[in-house]
């Protein structure tokens, strides 16, 4: 099963493709889609959409996992992130891909085992779980891989609870 994890953002959208092979999680490709500040929002969204479509078509994930929005004070930023998240979800829906959504706390719980884990702890666990040489940069990329790991674990758990045999 190939999972695409997404850490949504309008300036930087982290992505990470991992393959779940038995009980192993193997990194396939990861990076970020970046748009330039000062560019019109609609142009930034088009760039994210086009890049998302290209990634989906090239790496052909079986499922997608996206971090749910969480914001305290910066509502303007939350709207922009929500729009970026929406164009990615549109690209996935157009390809008939199922989408899982996870809160930051759920991702931390799945990756570190503690829902209030620090960002550095999550990054180090991503590095260890995927046997990477270094923590992926920028932080959005490590976050996207953490979302993919969370989804891979959640799908496995749901399959076991529903009596589905692993491939």
Foldseek 3Di string as FASTA:
>chain_A
DKEWFWEFFLAKIWIWIWDCDPPAIATDDIDIQGDDPPDDLVVSLVSLLVVLLVCCVVVVGQAYEYEDDDDDPCVVRSVSRVSSVVSNVVSCVVVVHYYHYHYCQLLCCQQVVGSVDDLVSLQVSLCVRNVHPHRDPDSNNSVRSSRRSSVVVVVVVVCVVVVHDDD
